[in-house]
Amino acid sequence: MFFKEEGKTMKKAVVAGAGLGGLASAITLASKGWDVTVIEKNSHPGGKLMPVALGSYQFDFGPNTITMPQVFERVFQYAGKRMSDYLEFIKLDQHTVNFFPDGTHFYFSSDADAMKKQLKNLDPKGYENYDRFLAEITRLYKLSETHFFPRMFKSVLDYASPSLSYAFMKVRPLETMDHFFRRYFGNEHVVQAFNRYATYIGSSPYQSPATFAMIAYLELVQGVFYVKGGNTRIAEAYFSLAKEMGVQFLMNTKVQELQVSNKRINTVLLANGHELTADEVVLNADLLKAYPELIAETDRPKFTDKKRNSYSPSISAFVITAGIEGKIEKLAHHSVFFSSDYRKEFEDLFSSQSYSEDPTIYISNSSFSDPAQAPDGSNLFILVNAPPLTEEGRLQISPQRYKTLIYETLEKRGISLTGRIKEERLFTPLDIQDTFGAYRGALYGISANKKWDAFMRPGNFPADIQNLSFAGGSTHPGGGSPMVTMSGMNVGEEIAGRKR
């Protein structure tokens, strides 16, 4: 049903980047009868949702915490398929264990009674307020789902619509996340655990707006999921779907330049010298890096290099993938070891652009739920928040020294890895920049620390180029695998629905 009809001219689209946004846009366009070619500089589909294999240990580099499976399912529906025939989503009821320096720990769960049972002794204020808290984060999410997620921002006038302005003022845009959580919780450890949701958008809870407290709704109401066999299976399934629908892929191929004439891209020049033409081009890449690199500044007067430099990049990450001999009983699927001074940690990251000497450490141990991922032990994906690279592209730390600090910190917190590390690989912000084309190594594109940037990310359709659109975490509706997927579907629908 998706093949070219005889005698009928198909519209052509080139998608630059096979991340989840690019794959979603390609599948959406193919389902509408378009001839689609996807260009990807890496050998794997999925962008940051990258598989890492070290001996018998398997890791997901990209999003370890999966929410909103209904968004991923919509892509399969475009292809006329059932997601359950391709992927098995496993709900993690007690999904994240939070550990604190004084020995306190508690877990996050989508079971409200389980949460209240813990809060009753740990945080009496939180216990009394928990139902009200759930109601408020549900309200924030529903407003976003109705007014922000599906909306396509094509010009500045879209931001001025009465319905959007009304919704905007209802989502606590002027309150910080930290202030919001303190309305409902009194225990500092509990507040700290909730404040970590700001890092999901690469930002600080002391600066980013309370609107993003809706992330708590996704985890504590809808739930956290894991895809059996690894979350990278999502990208692999999309890749297979797209090929079934006739989408062509040029893997290990880099776009060199998008050549513009009369405000339209007329040629997609590849690094190997080949040229492609298309009616529409979708740029599924970090637009802060790719847009200025691929299109001459004279062809994008409303997005100059100076404007690009005015955006604050999100945090990056320092990652250790470690294959460990044996199981570590203390670790759940997701575990977080919090620092003793969370506010200082974010001041280090954003104000001084330096690495914390007392970092919060996140560990994904997917073998807890899926032993086949590490048949010889445990597959620890260890992540510490890192500042983006300096403007000159410099890494501010010695990777080996910082790795040692992380291991020593874990040792003090009861996680001894000495003599048990069988496989190991480090990823720094430099690796993130080079592998994924991320501006200054930022994981989430633009930070939400500035109120304006939090809500007015670059739109999906640049004002200067008529047949170019953006999909991915650096454009609307934002970062995170569901939002990126949503951006790809939104763009695909908009392009296919245009009158020509």
Protein backbone atom coordinates (compact mmCIF):
# COMPACT_ATOMS: atom_id res chain seq x y z
CA MET A 1 0.00 0.00 0.00
CA PHE A 2 3.02 2.27 0.35
CA PHE A 3 4.65 1.69 -3.02
CA LYS A 4 4.71 4.15 -5.89
CA GLU A 5 1.62 4.11 -8.09
CA GLU A 6 2.26 3.82 -11.80
CA GLY A 7 2.02 7.12 -13.63
CA LYS A 8 1.81 9.16 -10.44
CA THR A 9 4.57 11.58 -9.48
CA MET A 10 5.54 11.28 -5.84
CA LYS A 11 6.68 14.19 -3.75
CA LYS A 12 10.23 13.72 -2.50
CA ALA A 13 11.58 14.39 0.98
CA VAL A 14 15.10 14.15 2.32
CA VAL A 15 15.44 13.62 6.06
CA ALA A 16 18.87 14.51 7.43
CA GLY A 17 19.33 12.39 10.55
CA ALA A 18 17.89 9.02 11.58
CA GLY A 19 17.14 9.89 15.20
CA LEU A 20 13.68 9.13 16.55
CA GLY A 21 12.38 12.44 15.18
CA GLY A 22 13.76 11.75 11.72
CA LEU A 23 12.46 8.19 11.67
CA ALA A 24 9.01 9.34 12.83
CA SER A 25 8.84 12.03 10.15
CA ALA A 26 10.02 9.59 7.47
CA ILE A 27 7.36 7.01 8.41
CA THR A 28 4.66 9.69 8.58
CA LEU A 29 5.55 11.06 5.14
CA ALA A 30 5.88 7.59 3.61
CA SER A 31 2.39 6.74 4.91
CA LYS A 32 1.12 9.79 2.98
CA GLY A 33 2.65 8.56 -0.27
CA TRP A 34 5.93 10.46 -0.23
CA ASP A 35 9.23 9.23 -1.62
CA VAL A 36 11.58 9.56 1.36
CA THR A 37 15.36 9.27 1.68
CA VAL A 38 17.01 9.38 5.10
CA ILE A 39 20.69 10.32 5.47
CA GLU A 40 22.52 9.31 8.64
CA LYS A 41 26.16 9.92 9.46
CA ASN A 42 26.36 7.00 11.92
CA SER A 43 25.94 3.29 11.32
CA HIS A 44 23.00 2.95 13.72
CA PRO A 45 19.50 4.47 13.63
CA GLY A 46 18.11 6.23 16.67
CA GLY A 47 20.59 9.03 17.31
CA LYS A 48 21.41 9.12 21.02
CA LEU A 49 19.35 5.96 21.43
CA MET A 50 22.53 4.09 20.54
CA PRO A 51 23.37 0.50 21.41
CA VAL A 52 26.71 -0.08 23.10
CA ALA A 53 28.12 -3.63 23.26
CA LEU A 54 31.12 -4.46 25.46
CA GLY A 55 31.80 -8.18 25.41
CA SER A 56 28.65 -9.91 26.69
CA TYR A 57 27.31 -6.66 28.22
CA GLN A 58 24.69 -4.64 26.37
CA PHE A 59 23.87 -0.98 27.09
CA ASP A 60 21.46 1.69 25.89
CA PHE A 61 23.38 4.93 25.58
CA GLY A 62 20.33 7.07 25.02
CA PRO A 63 17.15 7.45 27.06
CA ASN A 64 17.27 4.88 29.82
CA THR A 65 13.95 6.05 31.28
CA ILE A 66 11.08 5.55 28.85
CA THR A 67 7.68 7.18 29.34
CA MET A 68 4.58 7.77 27.17
CA PRO A 69 4.52 4.48 25.21
CA GLN A 70 1.32 5.71 23.54
CA VAL A 71 3.41 8.23 21.60
CA PHE A 72 5.66 5.53 20.17
CA GLU A 73 2.60 3.47 19.28
CA ARG A 74 1.25 6.26 17.07
CA VAL A 75 4.20 5.81 14.71
CA PHE A 76 3.30 2.15 14.22
CA GLN A 77 -0.28 3.18 13.48
CA TYR A 78 0.94 5.30 10.57
CA ALA A 79 2.43 2.12 9.15
CA GLY A 80 -0.76 0.15 9.78
CA LYS A 81 1.05 -2.04 12.31
CA ARG A 82 0.64 -2.97 15.96
CA MET A 83 3.47 -1.99 18.28
CA SER A 84 2.97 -5.16 20.31
CA ASP A 85 4.10 -7.20 17.30
CA TYR A 86 7.48 -5.46 17.43
CA LEU A 87 8.15 -4.34 20.99
CA GLU A 88 7.41 -5.48 24.52
CA PHE A 89 7.09 -2.57 26.93
CA ILE A 90 7.60 -3.59 30.57
CA LYS A 91 6.20 -1.28 33.23
CA LEU A 92 8.54 -0.72 36.19
CA ASP A 93 6.22 -0.12 39.14
CA GLN A 94 9.00 0.70 41.62
CA HIS A 95 11.27 2.29 39.09
CA THR A 96 13.86 4.53 40.78
CA VAL A 97 15.58 4.19 44.14
CA ASN A 98 16.89 7.50 45.54
CA PHE A 99 19.85 7.30 47.95
CA PHE A 100 21.12 10.15 50.14
CA PRO A 101 24.44 10.71 51.96
CA ASP A 102 22.91 10.21 55.43
CA GLY A 103 21.71 6.71 54.53
CA THR A 104 18.11 7.71 53.80
CA HIS A 105 16.57 6.14 50.73
CA PHE A 106 13.16 5.89 49.12
CA TYR A 107 11.83 4.84 45.77
CA PHE A 108 9.62 6.47 43.17
CA SER A 109 6.59 4.47 42.10
CA SER A 110 3.47 4.94 39.98
CA ASP A 111 1.58 3.29 42.86
CA ALA A 112 0.24 6.27 44.84
CA ASP A 113 -0.41 4.16 47.95
CA ALA A 114 3.19 2.93 47.94
CA MET A 115 4.42 6.52 47.69
CA LYS A 116 2.19 7.70 50.53
CA LYS A 117 3.24 4.78 52.71
CA GLN A 118 6.86 5.93 52.44
CA LEU A 119 6.04 9.62 52.86
CA LYS A 120 3.98 9.04 56.00
CA ASN A 121 7.12 8.72 58.13
CA LEU A 122 9.69 10.34 55.88
CA ASP A 123 7.76 13.50 54.97
CA PRO A 124 4.45 14.09 56.83
CA LYS A 125 3.82 17.26 54.82
CA GLY A 126 4.28 15.30 51.60
CA TYR A 127 1.99 12.56 52.88
CA GLU A 128 -0.81 15.05 53.55
CA ASN A 129 -0.31 16.84 50.21
CA TYR A 130 0.39 13.91 47.89
CA ASP A 131 -3.10 13.61 46.40
CA ARG A 132 -3.18 17.38 45.79
CA PHE A 133 0.27 17.16 44.24
CA LEU A 134 -0.83 14.44 41.83
CA ALA A 135 -3.89 16.48 40.88
CA GLU A 136 -1.75 19.55 40.12
CA ILE A 137 0.88 17.77 38.02
CA THR A 138 -1.97 16.06 36.15
CA ARG A 139 -3.46 19.48 35.41
CA LEU A 140 -0.11 20.78 34.16
CA TYR A 141 0.31 17.78 31.90
CA LYS A 142 -3.21 17.95 30.47
CA LEU A 143 -2.75 21.63 29.61
CA SER A 144 0.53 20.85 27.85
CA GLU A 145 -0.98 17.88 26.04
CA THR A 146 -3.85 20.03 24.76
CA HIS A 147 -2.16 23.35 24.00
CA PHE A 148 1.58 22.78 23.52
CA PHE A 149 2.52 19.29 22.30
CA PRO A 150 0.45 19.18 19.08
CA ARG A 151 0.87 22.84 18.13
CA MET A 152 3.09 23.75 15.21
CA PHE A 153 4.95 27.04 15.64
CA LYS A 154 5.37 28.48 12.16
CA SER A 155 5.81 32.14 13.05
CA VAL A 156 6.01 34.50 16.02
CA LEU A 157 2.27 35.14 15.63
CA ASP A 158 1.54 31.57 16.74
CA TYR A 159 2.90 32.40 20.18
CA ALA A 160 0.41 35.27 20.47
CA SER A 161 -2.77 33.26 19.97
CA PRO A 162 -5.35 33.87 22.74
CA SER A 163 -5.80 30.17 23.54
CA LEU A 164 -2.06 29.64 23.89
CA SER A 165 -1.64 32.77 26.02
CA TYR A 166 -4.43 31.60 28.31
CA ALA A 167 -2.86 28.15 28.68
CA PHE A 168 0.59 29.66 29.18
CA MET A 169 -0.51 31.62 32.22
CA LYS A 170 -2.06 28.48 33.72
CA VAL A 171 1.13 26.40 33.75
CA ARG A 172 3.12 28.30 36.40
CA PRO A 173 5.67 29.86 34.00
CA LEU A 174 7.08 32.32 36.56
CA GLU A 175 7.58 29.85 39.43
CA THR A 176 10.67 27.64 39.65
CA MET A 177 10.48 23.88 39.92
CA ASP A 178 12.19 23.97 43.31
CA HIS A 179 9.62 26.45 44.67
CA PHE A 180 6.77 24.38 43.25
CA PHE A 181 7.90 21.13 44.87
CA ARG A 182 8.38 22.88 48.22
CA ARG A 183 4.69 23.76 48.16
CA TYR A 184 3.90 20.09 48.64
CA PHE A 185 6.92 18.49 50.34
CA GLY A 186 8.93 19.38 53.46
CA ASN A 187 11.73 16.82 53.61
CA GLU A 188 14.87 18.14 51.88
CA HIS A 189 15.71 14.71 50.48
CA VAL A 190 12.27 14.35 48.94
CA VAL A 191 12.46 17.82 47.39
CA GLN A 192 15.93 17.01 46.05
CA ALA A 193 14.66 13.82 44.41
CA PHE A 194 11.82 15.70 42.70
CA ASN A 195 14.15 18.51 41.68
CA ARG A 196 16.13 16.02 39.63
CA TYR A 197 13.34 16.14 37.04
CA ALA A 198 14.87 19.41 35.82
CA THR A 199 17.83 17.43 34.50
CA TYR A 200 15.45 15.61 32.14
CA ILE A 201 15.36 18.86 30.18
CA GLY A 202 19.02 19.63 30.82
CA SER A 203 18.31 22.45 33.24
CA SER A 204 18.47 23.58 36.86
CA PRO A 205 15.47 23.17 39.20
CA TYR A 206 16.37 26.52 40.76
CA GLN A 207 15.88 28.32 37.43
CA SER A 208 13.63 26.30 35.13
CA PRO A 209 9.87 26.95 35.30
CA ALA A 210 7.48 24.85 37.37
CA THR A 211 5.66 23.95 34.14
CA PHE A 212 8.09 21.09 33.74
CA ALA A 213 6.97 19.55 37.01
CA MET A 214 4.57 17.75 34.66
CA ILE A 215 7.46 15.32 34.07
CA ALA A 216 6.58 13.93 37.49
CA TYR A 217 3.13 13.11 36.11
CA LEU A 218 4.67 10.94 33.41
CA GLU A 219 6.65 8.88 35.90
CA LEU A 220 4.35 8.86 38.93
CA VAL A 221 0.98 8.57 37.19
CA GLN A 222 1.49 7.08 33.72
CA GLY A 223 4.58 5.14 34.77
CA VAL A 224 8.13 4.30 33.68
CA PHE A 225 8.77 1.61 31.09
CA TYR A 226 11.59 -0.46 29.66
CA VAL A 227 11.64 -2.24 26.30
CA LYS A 228 12.67 -5.87 26.59
CA GLY A 229 15.95 -6.39 24.81
CA GLY A 230 16.93 -2.76 25.31
CA ASN A 231 15.28 0.59 24.61
CA THR A 232 17.26 0.80 21.39
CA ARG A 233 14.74 -1.70 20.02
CA ILE A 234 12.40 1.27 19.49
CA ALA A 235 14.74 2.81 16.93
CA GLU A 236 15.45 -0.57 15.35
CA ALA A 237 11.72 -1.22 14.97
CA TYR A 238 11.16 2.20 13.35
CA PHE A 239 14.09 1.53 11.03
CA SER A 240 12.52 -1.76 9.91
CA LEU A 241 9.08 -0.16 9.53
CA ALA A 242 10.44 2.65 7.40
CA LYS A 243 12.25 0.26 5.08
CA GLU A 244 9.09 -1.85 4.74
CA MET A 245 7.32 1.33 3.62
CA GLY A 246 9.88 2.03 0.90
CA VAL A 247 12.01 4.62 2.73
CA GLN A 248 15.59 4.62 1.45
CA PHE A 249 18.48 4.95 3.91
CA LEU A 250 21.99 6.22 3.29
CA MET A 251 23.83 5.20 6.47
CA ASN A 252 27.42 6.22 7.28
CA THR A 253 26.76 9.23 5.05
CA LYS A 254 27.17 12.85 6.07
CA VAL A 255 25.38 15.90 4.72
CA GLN A 256 27.99 18.46 3.69
CA GLU A 257 25.79 21.41 2.76
CA LEU A 258 22.20 22.44 2.14
CA GLN A 259 22.39 24.78 -0.84
CA VAL A 260 19.76 27.50 -1.00
CA SER A 261 18.35 29.54 -3.87
CA ASN A 262 15.34 31.86 -3.63
CA LYS A 263 14.70 30.79 -0.04
CA ARG A 264 14.45 27.13 -0.96
CA ILE A 265 16.91 24.27 -0.60
CA ASN A 266 17.65 23.19 -4.15
CA THR A 267 20.48 20.73 -3.47
CA VAL A 268 21.45 18.44 -0.62
CA LEU A 269 25.19 18.01 -1.04
CA LEU A 270 26.68 14.93 0.62
CA ALA A 271 30.25 14.63 1.90
CA ASN A 272 30.93 11.91 -0.70
CA GLY A 273 30.16 14.42 -3.46
CA HIS A 274 26.74 13.08 -4.40
CA GLU A 275 23.82 15.48 -4.73
CA LEU A 276 20.13 14.99 -3.92
CA THR A 277 17.10 17.11 -4.67
CA ALA A 278 13.82 17.15 -2.78
CA ASP A 279 10.58 19.05 -2.42
CA GLU A 280 11.07 19.15 1.35
CA VAL A 281 14.03 18.70 3.68
CA VAL A 282 13.65 17.68 7.33
CA LEU A 283 16.65 18.43 9.52
CA ASN A 284 16.66 15.94 12.39
CA ALA A 285 19.76 17.18 14.16
CA ASP A 286 20.76 19.62 16.86
CA LEU A 287 19.74 22.74 14.99
CA LEU A 288 22.07 24.96 17.05
CA LYS A 289 24.96 23.10 15.43
CA ALA A 290 23.59 21.74 12.15
CA TYR A 291 21.64 24.74 10.87
CA PRO A 292 24.61 27.15 10.99
CA GLU A 293 27.00 24.51 9.67
CA LEU A 294 24.89 23.37 6.73
CA ILE A 295 23.37 26.65 5.52
CA ALA A 296 25.31 29.83 4.77
CA GLU A 297 24.63 32.68 7.18
CA THR A 298 23.51 34.93 4.33
CA ASP A 299 20.64 32.50 3.65
CA ARG A 300 19.38 32.56 7.26
CA PRO A 301 19.29 36.25 8.27
CA LYS A 302 16.74 35.57 11.03
CA PHE A 303 18.93 32.91 12.61
CA THR A 304 22.42 34.37 12.57
CA ASP A 305 25.42 32.88 14.32
CA LYS A 306 25.03 35.62 16.91
CA LYS A 307 21.47 34.51 17.63
CA ARG A 308 22.61 30.90 17.92
CA ASN A 309 25.23 31.95 20.44
CA SER A 310 22.60 33.72 22.54
CA TYR A 311 21.01 30.41 23.52
CA SER A 312 22.20 28.66 26.67
CA PRO A 313 23.05 25.03 25.97
CA SER A 314 21.69 22.37 28.28
CA ILE A 315 23.85 20.24 30.50
CA SER A 316 25.88 17.43 29.01
CA ALA A 317 26.93 14.14 30.59
CA PHE A 318 29.96 12.20 31.69
CA VAL A 319 29.14 8.52 31.16
CA ILE A 320 30.78 5.26 32.16
CA THR A 321 29.46 2.03 30.67
CA ALA A 322 30.80 -0.71 32.94
CA GLY A 323 30.33 -4.45 32.65
CA ILE A 324 30.48 -5.79 36.20
CA GLU A 325 31.07 -9.33 37.39
CA GLY A 326 28.12 -10.53 39.48
CA LYS A 327 24.96 -8.80 40.67
CA ILE A 328 24.81 -5.73 42.90
CA GLU A 329 21.90 -6.20 45.26
CA LYS A 330 21.63 -2.54 46.28
CA LEU A 331 20.84 -1.38 42.74
CA ALA A 332 17.40 -1.40 41.14
CA HIS A 333 16.74 -0.80 37.44
CA HIS A 334 17.23 2.94 38.08
CA SER A 335 19.22 4.22 41.07
CA VAL A 336 20.32 7.73 42.00
CA PHE A 337 22.98 8.64 44.56
CA PHE A 338 22.43 12.28 45.44
CA SER A 339 25.08 14.83 46.34
CA SER A 340 25.17 16.55 49.73
CA ASP A 341 24.63 20.04 48.24
CA TYR A 342 22.37 19.95 45.19
CA ARG A 343 22.18 23.72 44.76
CA LYS A 344 25.98 24.01 44.62
CA GLU A 345 26.10 21.20 42.09
CA PHE A 346 23.94 23.21 39.70
CA GLU A 347 25.89 26.38 40.40
CA ASP A 348 29.01 24.46 39.38
CA LEU A 349 27.34 23.22 36.19
CA PHE A 350 25.73 26.46 35.01
CA SER A 351 27.43 29.39 36.74
CA SER A 352 31.06 28.31 36.72
CA GLN A 353 30.69 25.73 33.90
CA SER A 354 32.69 23.25 35.95
CA TYR A 355 32.40 19.64 37.05
CA SER A 356 31.08 19.01 40.54
CA GLU A 357 33.49 17.43 43.00
CA ASP A 358 30.43 16.04 44.81
CA PRO A 359 28.27 14.88 41.91
CA THR A 360 24.89 13.19 41.89
CA ILE A 361 25.37 9.81 40.23
CA TYR A 362 22.66 8.06 38.20
CA ILE A 363 22.99 4.34 37.44
CA SER A 364 20.86 2.35 35.01
CA ASN A 365 21.15 -1.38 35.63
CA SER A 366 18.77 -2.79 33.03
CA SER A 367 19.95 -6.33 33.76
CA PHE A 368 17.88 -5.97 36.96
CA SER A 369 14.77 -6.31 34.75
CA ASP A 370 16.33 -8.04 31.73
CA PRO A 371 19.16 -10.45 32.76
CA ALA A 372 19.93 -11.24 29.11
CA GLN A 373 21.50 -7.77 28.83
CA ALA A 374 24.34 -8.91 31.10
CA PRO A 375 24.43 -12.70 31.37
CA ASP A 376 27.79 -12.53 33.17
CA GLY A 377 26.86 -9.91 35.75
CA SER A 378 25.53 -6.34 35.69
CA ASN A 379 25.51 -3.69 32.94
CA LEU A 380 25.96 -0.37 34.70
CA PHE A 381 25.30 2.79 32.73
CA ILE A 382 26.74 5.41 35.10
CA LEU A 383 25.91 9.04 34.34
CA VAL A 384 26.98 12.27 36.00
CA ASN A 385 25.70 15.66 34.88
CA ALA A 386 28.40 17.67 33.14
CA PRO A 387 28.66 21.23 31.88
CA PRO A 388 28.64 21.74 28.11
CA LEU A 389 31.98 22.23 26.42
CA THR A 390 33.48 25.70 26.61
CA GLU A 391 32.75 28.07 23.73
CA GLU A 392 36.15 27.11 22.37
CA GLY A 393 35.14 23.43 22.45
CA ARG A 394 37.35 22.52 25.41
CA LEU A 395 36.66 19.71 27.89
CA GLN A 396 37.09 21.06 31.44
CA ILE A 397 38.16 17.81 33.13
CA SER A 398 40.60 14.92 32.95
CA PRO A 399 38.36 11.94 32.06
CA GLN A 400 40.47 9.44 33.96
CA ARG A 401 40.61 11.57 37.09
CA TYR A 402 36.87 12.16 37.04
CA LYS A 403 36.17 8.47 36.48
CA THR A 404 38.24 7.70 39.58
CA LEU A 405 36.31 10.30 41.59
CA ILE A 406 33.00 8.70 40.55
CA TYR A 407 34.15 5.21 41.52
CA GLU A 408 35.48 6.50 44.85
CA THR A 409 32.17 8.27 45.54
CA LEU A 410 30.23 5.09 44.82
CA GLU A 411 32.57 3.14 47.10
CA LYS A 412 31.71 5.49 49.96
CA ARG A 413 28.01 4.96 49.21
CA GLY A 414 28.26 1.16 49.43
CA ILE A 415 28.77 0.30 45.75
CA SER A 416 32.19 -1.34 45.54
CA LEU A 417 33.32 -2.06 42.00
CA THR A 418 36.99 -2.72 42.76
CA GLY A 419 38.19 -5.84 40.98
CA ARG A 420 34.79 -6.45 39.40
CA ILE A 421 34.99 -4.30 36.25
CA LYS A 422 35.31 -6.61 33.24
CA GLU A 423 34.47 -4.12 30.50
CA GLU A 424 34.54 -0.32 30.48
CA ARG A 425 34.10 2.61 28.12
CA LEU A 426 33.93 6.35 28.82
CA PHE A 427 31.86 8.98 27.01
CA THR A 428 32.59 12.67 27.58
CA PRO A 429 30.82 15.77 26.21
CA LEU A 430 33.41 15.74 23.44
CA ASP A 431 32.24 12.27 22.41
CA ILE A 432 28.61 13.40 22.57
CA GLN A 433 29.42 16.38 20.34
CA ASP A 434 31.33 14.33 17.80
CA THR A 435 29.09 11.27 17.69
CA PHE A 436 25.70 12.97 17.74
CA GLY A 437 26.45 16.41 16.33
CA ALA A 438 25.39 18.04 19.60
CA TYR A 439 26.17 21.73 20.03
CA ARG A 440 28.93 21.99 22.67
CA GLY A 441 28.07 18.42 23.68
CA ALA A 442 24.72 19.45 25.17
CA LEU A 443 22.37 16.50 25.61
CA TYR A 444 19.08 18.37 25.34
CA GLY A 445 19.81 21.26 23.00
CA ILE A 446 18.70 24.47 24.70
CA SER A 447 18.37 24.70 28.48
CA ALA A 448 15.13 25.86 30.11
CA ASN A 449 16.92 28.09 32.63
CA LYS A 450 15.84 31.23 30.80
CA LYS A 451 12.06 31.58 30.94
CA TRP A 452 11.94 32.80 27.34
CA ASP A 453 13.99 29.89 26.02
CA ALA A 454 11.93 27.39 28.01
CA PHE A 455 8.77 28.21 26.08
CA MET A 456 10.02 29.75 22.85
CA ARG A 457 12.40 27.18 21.48
CA PRO A 458 13.22 27.58 17.79
CA GLY A 459 10.09 26.63 15.85
CA ASN A 460 9.79 23.64 13.53
CA PHE A 461 9.77 25.82 10.41
CA PRO A 462 12.49 28.47 9.95
CA ALA A 463 11.39 31.81 8.61
CA ASP A 464 14.21 32.01 6.08
CA ILE A 465 13.87 28.68 4.22
CA GLN A 466 10.51 27.69 2.76
CA ASN A 467 11.05 23.95 2.30
CA LEU A 468 13.06 23.20 5.47
CA SER A 469 11.70 21.92 8.76
CA PHE A 470 13.23 20.88 12.07
CA ALA A 471 12.56 17.75 14.12
CA GLY A 472 14.35 16.75 17.30
CA GLY A 473 15.09 17.81 20.83
CA SER A 474 16.33 21.31 20.05
CA THR A 475 13.01 22.38 18.53
CA HIS A 476 9.37 22.17 19.61
CA PRO A 477 8.02 20.43 21.67
CA GLY A 478 11.39 19.68 23.33
CA GLY A 479 13.80 17.01 24.49
CA GLY A 480 13.15 13.45 25.56
CA SER A 481 12.36 10.50 23.31
CA PRO A 482 8.54 10.90 23.32
CA MET A 483 8.76 14.63 22.56
CA VAL A 484 11.31 14.07 19.81
CA THR A 485 9.09 11.40 18.28
CA MET A 486 6.14 13.79 18.51
CA SER A 487 8.10 16.50 16.70
CA GLY A 488 8.78 14.13 13.81
CA MET A 489 5.12 13.16 13.46
CA ASN A 490 3.97 16.78 13.74
CA VAL A 491 6.38 17.88 11.02
CA GLY A 492 5.46 14.98 8.75
CA GLU A 493 1.74 15.74 9.08
CA GLU A 494 2.26 19.44 8.44
CA ILE A 495 4.38 18.89 5.33
CA ALA A 496 2.04 16.29 3.85
CA GLY A 497 -0.99 18.49 4.50
CA ARG A 498 0.30 21.60 2.78
CA LYS A 499 -1.56 22.84 -0.27
CA ARG A 500 0.74 23.21 -3.23
